[in-house]
Amino acid sequence: MNRTILLAYQSIIAISDTFTGALLVVAPALTLSLMRLHAPADTLVFISFIGAFVFAVGLSCLYGAILIFRGGCRHQLEIVWLLTAFMRASVAIFVLSQVLTGSLEAGWLTVAASDAACVVFQGVGLYKGWLAHAAR
């Protein structure tokens, strides 16, 4: 895979998750409304708590982007992709199951779909050795 494409992918998901997580922490109701999602007012503290984890995934992805930019160690990049894929897979499975049981509204499927897409992309990339091209 082209190093520029990998850097773009890594940067986009890093920025997206870091900012979304930070917004969920400080303004959960606003963030959910921007995402066209809803949650009862008494659950917003838990949404902020979840935001801390989204923020952490974003920072992990940012570290991966820095590694790609610097031509960092392939093994470090593989660990970032593997661990963030585990986290994203967990989120996708959880959100899908909650939508299917009616506990979350269907709009949450966008969260599950975007996380699942990242899992597939990173899984294929790990399997095919794309990160060897990102390291110098």
C-alpha atoms as a PDB file:
ATOM      1  CA  MET A   1       0.000   0.000   0.000  1.00  0.00           C
ATOM      2  CA  ASN A   2       1.194   3.481  -0.828  1.00  0.00           C
ATOM      3  CA  ARG A   3       2.711   5.276   2.183  1.00  0.00           C
ATOM      4  CA  THR A   4       0.782   8.474   1.381  1.00  0.00           C
ATOM      5  CA  ILE A   5      -2.542   6.619   1.425  1.00  0.00           C
ATOM      6  CA  LEU A   6      -1.664   4.960   4.728  1.00  0.00           C
ATOM      7  CA  LEU A   7      -0.708   8.319   6.230  1.00  0.00           C
ATOM      8  CA  ALA A   8      -3.941   9.892   4.996  1.00  0.00           C
ATOM      9  CA  TYR A   9      -6.037   7.033   6.402  1.00  0.00           C
ATOM     10  CA  GLN A  10      -4.228   7.093   9.734  1.00  0.00           C
ATOM     11  CA  SER A  11      -4.469  10.882   9.999  1.00  0.00           C
ATOM     12  CA  ILE A  12      -8.182  10.992   9.164  1.00  0.00           C
ATOM     13  CA  ILE A  13      -9.144   8.380  11.747  1.00  0.00           C
ATOM     14  CA  ALA A  14      -6.811   9.957  14.319  1.00  0.00           C
ATOM     15  CA  ILE A  15      -8.309  13.413  13.908  1.00  0.00           C
ATOM     16  CA  SER A  16     -11.854  12.070  13.770  1.00  0.00           C
ATOM     17  CA  ASP A  17     -11.588   9.969  16.930  1.00  0.00           C
ATOM     18  CA  THR A  18      -9.510  12.473  18.897  1.00  0.00           C
ATOM     19  CA  PHE A  19     -11.902  15.355  18.267  1.00  0.00           C
ATOM     20  CA  THR A  20     -15.033  13.240  18.648  1.00  0.00           C
ATOM     21  CA  GLY A  21     -13.742  11.831  21.921  1.00  0.00           C
ATOM     22  CA  ALA A  22     -12.800  15.260  23.256  1.00  0.00           C
ATOM     23  CA  LEU A  23     -16.194  16.656  22.296  1.00  0.00           C
ATOM     24  CA  LEU A  24     -17.980  13.713  23.905  1.00  0.00           C
ATOM     25  CA  VAL A  25     -16.088  14.407  27.124  1.00  0.00           C
ATOM     26  CA  VAL A  26     -16.791  18.139  27.320  1.00  0.00           C
ATOM     27  CA  ALA A  27     -20.117  18.461  25.462  1.00  0.00           C
ATOM     28  CA  PRO A  28     -21.828  15.077  25.085  1.00  0.00           C
ATOM     29  CA  ALA A  29     -25.300  16.420  24.229  1.00  0.00           C
ATOM     30  CA  LEU A  30     -23.929  18.732  21.522  1.00  0.00           C
ATOM     31  CA  THR A  31     -21.724  15.997  20.100  1.00  0.00           C
ATOM     32  CA  LEU A  32     -24.590  13.521  19.908  1.00  0.00           C
ATOM     33  CA  SER A  33     -26.785  16.118  18.212  1.00  0.00           C
ATOM     34  CA  LEU A  34     -24.043  16.756  15.640  1.00  0.00           C
ATOM     35  CA  MET A  35     -23.978  13.002  15.035  1.00  0.00           C
ATOM     36  CA  ARG A  36     -27.805  13.053  14.795  1.00  0.00           C
ATOM     37  CA  LEU A  37     -28.043  10.704  17.760  1.00  0.00           C
ATOM     38  CA  HIS A  38     -29.979  10.931  20.986  1.00  0.00           C
ATOM     39  CA  ALA A  39     -29.446   9.826  24.558  1.00  0.00           C
ATOM     40  CA  PRO A  40     -31.448  10.506  27.710  1.00  0.00           C
ATOM     41  CA  ALA A  41     -30.100  13.426  29.754  1.00  0.00           C
ATOM     42  CA  ASP A  42     -29.341  11.173  32.713  1.00  0.00           C
ATOM     43  CA  THR A  43     -26.931   9.106  30.590  1.00  0.00           C
ATOM     44  CA  LEU A  44     -24.733  11.985  29.420  1.00  0.00           C
ATOM     45  CA  VAL A  45     -22.134  11.403  32.136  1.00  0.00           C
ATOM     46  CA  PHE A  46     -21.672   7.879  30.766  1.00  0.00           C
ATOM     47  CA  ILE A  47     -21.422   9.242  27.225  1.00  0.00           C
ATOM     48  CA  SER A  48     -18.613  11.505  28.481  1.00  0.00           C
ATOM     49  CA  PHE A  49     -16.929   8.464  30.026  1.00  0.00           C
ATOM     50  CA  ILE A  50     -17.148   6.668  26.674  1.00  0.00           C
ATOM     51  CA  GLY A  51     -15.704   9.804  25.091  1.00  0.00           C
ATOM     52  CA  ALA A  52     -12.549   9.315  27.136  1.00  0.00           C
ATOM     53  CA  PHE A  53     -12.059   5.935  25.468  1.00  0.00           C
ATOM     54  CA  VAL A  54     -12.801   7.331  22.002  1.00  0.00           C
ATOM     55  CA  PHE A  55     -10.242  10.057  22.725  1.00  0.00           C
ATOM     56  CA  ALA A  56      -7.671   7.411  23.740  1.00  0.00           C
ATOM     57  CA  VAL A  57      -8.244   5.462  20.512  1.00  0.00           C
ATOM     58  CA  GLY A  58      -7.800   8.715  18.603  1.00  0.00           C
ATOM     59  CA  LEU A  59      -4.514   9.437  20.347  1.00  0.00           C
ATOM     60  CA  SER A  60      -3.365   5.890  19.582  1.00  0.00           C
ATOM     61  CA  CYS A  61      -4.177   6.480  15.931  1.00  0.00           C
ATOM     62  CA  LEU A  62      -2.365   9.819  16.076  1.00  0.00           C
ATOM     63  CA  TYR A  63       0.711   7.990  17.330  1.00  0.00           C
ATOM     64  CA  GLY A  64       0.359   5.656  14.343  1.00  0.00           C
ATOM     65  CA  ALA A  65       0.173   8.642  12.002  1.00  0.00           C
ATOM     66  CA  ILE A  66       3.337  10.063  13.549  1.00  0.00           C
ATOM     67  CA  LEU A  67       5.081   6.719  13.062  1.00  0.00           C
ATOM     68  CA  ILE A  68       4.065   6.631   9.402  1.00  0.00           C
ATOM     69  CA  PHE A  69       5.112  10.254   8.891  1.00  0.00           C
ATOM     70  CA  ARG A  70       8.527   9.585  10.419  1.00  0.00           C
ATOM     71  CA  GLY A  71       8.899   6.244   8.648  1.00  0.00           C
ATOM     72  CA  GLY A  72       8.788   4.508  12.026  1.00  0.00           C
ATOM     73  CA  CYS A  73       9.173   0.900  12.997  1.00  0.00           C
ATOM     74  CA  ARG A  74       6.845  -1.506  11.214  1.00  0.00           C
ATOM     75  CA  HIS A  75       6.275  -3.520  14.380  1.00  0.00           C
ATOM     76  CA  GLN A  76       5.097  -0.470  16.329  1.00  0.00           C
ATOM     77  CA  LEU A  77       2.630   0.358  13.555  1.00  0.00           C
ATOM     78  CA  GLU A  78       1.371  -3.219  13.517  1.00  0.00           C
ATOM     79  CA  ILE A  79       0.715  -3.070  17.263  1.00  0.00           C
ATOM     80  CA  VAL A  80      -1.204   0.207  16.896  1.00  0.00           C
ATOM     81  CA  TRP A  81      -3.327  -1.284  14.122  1.00  0.00           C
ATOM     82  CA  LEU A  82      -3.915  -4.557  15.948  1.00  0.00           C
ATOM     83  CA  LEU A  83      -4.945  -2.958  19.242  1.00  0.00           C
ATOM     84  CA  THR A  84      -7.128  -0.271  17.695  1.00  0.00           C
ATOM     85  CA  ALA A  85      -8.763  -2.926  15.502  1.00  0.00           C
ATOM     86  CA  PHE A  86      -9.598  -4.947  18.640  1.00  0.00           C
ATOM     87  CA  MET A  87     -11.168  -1.876  20.246  1.00  0.00           C
ATOM     88  CA  ARG A  88     -13.105  -0.966  17.109  1.00  0.00           C
ATOM     89  CA  ALA A  89     -14.317  -4.534  16.617  1.00  0.00           C
ATOM     90  CA  SER A  90     -15.599  -4.562  20.192  1.00  0.00           C
ATOM     91  CA  VAL A  91     -17.462  -1.303  19.623  1.00  0.00           C
ATOM     92  CA  ALA A  92     -18.935  -2.451  16.304  1.00  0.00           C
ATOM     93  CA  ILE A  93     -20.183  -5.739  17.764  1.00  0.00           C
ATOM     94  CA  PHE A  94     -21.590  -4.065  20.879  1.00  0.00           C
ATOM     95  CA  VAL A  95     -23.361  -1.280  18.996  1.00  0.00           C
ATOM     96  CA  LEU A  96     -24.800  -3.686  16.410  1.00  0.00           C
ATOM     97  CA  SER A  97     -26.115  -5.986  19.132  1.00  0.00           C
ATOM     98  CA  GLN A  98     -27.685  -3.053  20.996  1.00  0.00           C
ATOM     99  CA  VAL A  99     -29.375  -1.759  17.835  1.00  0.00           C
ATOM    100  CA  LEU A 100     -30.697  -5.235  17.072  1.00  0.00           C
ATOM    101  CA  THR A 101     -32.158  -5.561  20.575  1.00  0.00           C
ATOM    102  CA  GLY A 102     -33.690  -2.080  20.373  1.00  0.00           C
ATOM    103  CA  SER A 103     -31.561  -0.582  23.138  1.00  0.00           C
ATOM    104  CA  LEU A 104     -29.952   1.895  20.727  1.00  0.00           C
ATOM    105  CA  GLU A 105     -31.601   3.716  17.843  1.00  0.00           C
ATOM    106  CA  ALA A 106     -30.733   2.743  14.263  1.00  0.00           C
ATOM    107  CA  GLY A 107     -28.649   5.910  13.809  1.00  0.00           C
ATOM    108  CA  TRP A 108     -25.946   4.270  15.905  1.00  0.00           C
ATOM    109  CA  LEU A 109     -25.336   1.866  13.008  1.00  0.00           C
ATOM    110  CA  THR A 110     -23.135   4.561  11.456  1.00  0.00           C
ATOM    111  CA  VAL A 111     -20.788   4.156  14.422  1.00  0.00           C
ATOM    112  CA  ALA A 112     -20.777   0.372  14.026  1.00  0.00           C
ATOM    113  CA  ALA A 113     -20.258   0.615  10.263  1.00  0.00           C
ATOM    114  CA  SER A 114     -17.370   3.067  10.461  1.00  0.00           C
ATOM    115  CA  ASP A 115     -15.617   1.022  13.145  1.00  0.00           C
ATOM    116  CA  ALA A 116     -16.205  -2.205  11.209  1.00  0.00           C
ATOM    117  CA  ALA A 117     -14.801  -0.597   8.046  1.00  0.00           C
ATOM    118  CA  CYS A 118     -11.632   0.359   9.931  1.00  0.00           C
ATOM    119  CA  VAL A 119     -11.343  -3.178  11.313  1.00  0.00           C
ATOM    120  CA  VAL A 120     -11.609  -4.672   7.825  1.00  0.00           C
ATOM    121  CA  PHE A 121      -9.139  -2.185   6.330  1.00  0.00           C
ATOM    122  CA  GLN A 122      -6.615  -2.698   9.112  1.00  0.00           C
ATOM    123  CA  GLY A 123      -7.125  -6.476   9.145  1.00  0.00           C
ATOM    124  CA  VAL A 124      -6.496  -6.730   5.413  1.00  0.00           C
ATOM    125  CA  GLY A 125      -3.535  -4.368   5.768  1.00  0.00           C
ATOM    126  CA  LEU A 126      -1.992  -6.443   8.537  1.00  0.00           C
ATOM    127  CA  TYR A 127      -2.558  -9.667   6.615  1.00  0.00           C
ATOM    128  CA  LYS A 128      -1.053  -8.273   3.400  1.00  0.00           C
ATOM    129  CA  GLY A 129       1.857  -6.496   5.096  1.00  0.00           C
ATOM    130  CA  TRP A 130       0.921  -2.980   3.993  1.00  0.00           C
ATOM    131  CA  LEU A 131       2.753  -1.419   6.939  1.00  0.00           C
ATOM    132  CA  ALA A 132       6.116  -2.648   5.683  1.00  0.00           C
ATOM    133  CA  HIS A 133       5.817   0.069   3.047  1.00  0.00           C
ATOM    134  CA  ALA A 134       5.066   2.749   5.637  1.00  0.00           C
ATOM    135  CA  ALA A 135       8.272   2.080   7.525  1.00  0.00           C
ATOM    136  CA  ARG A 136      11.573   3.149   6.056  1.00  0.00           C
END
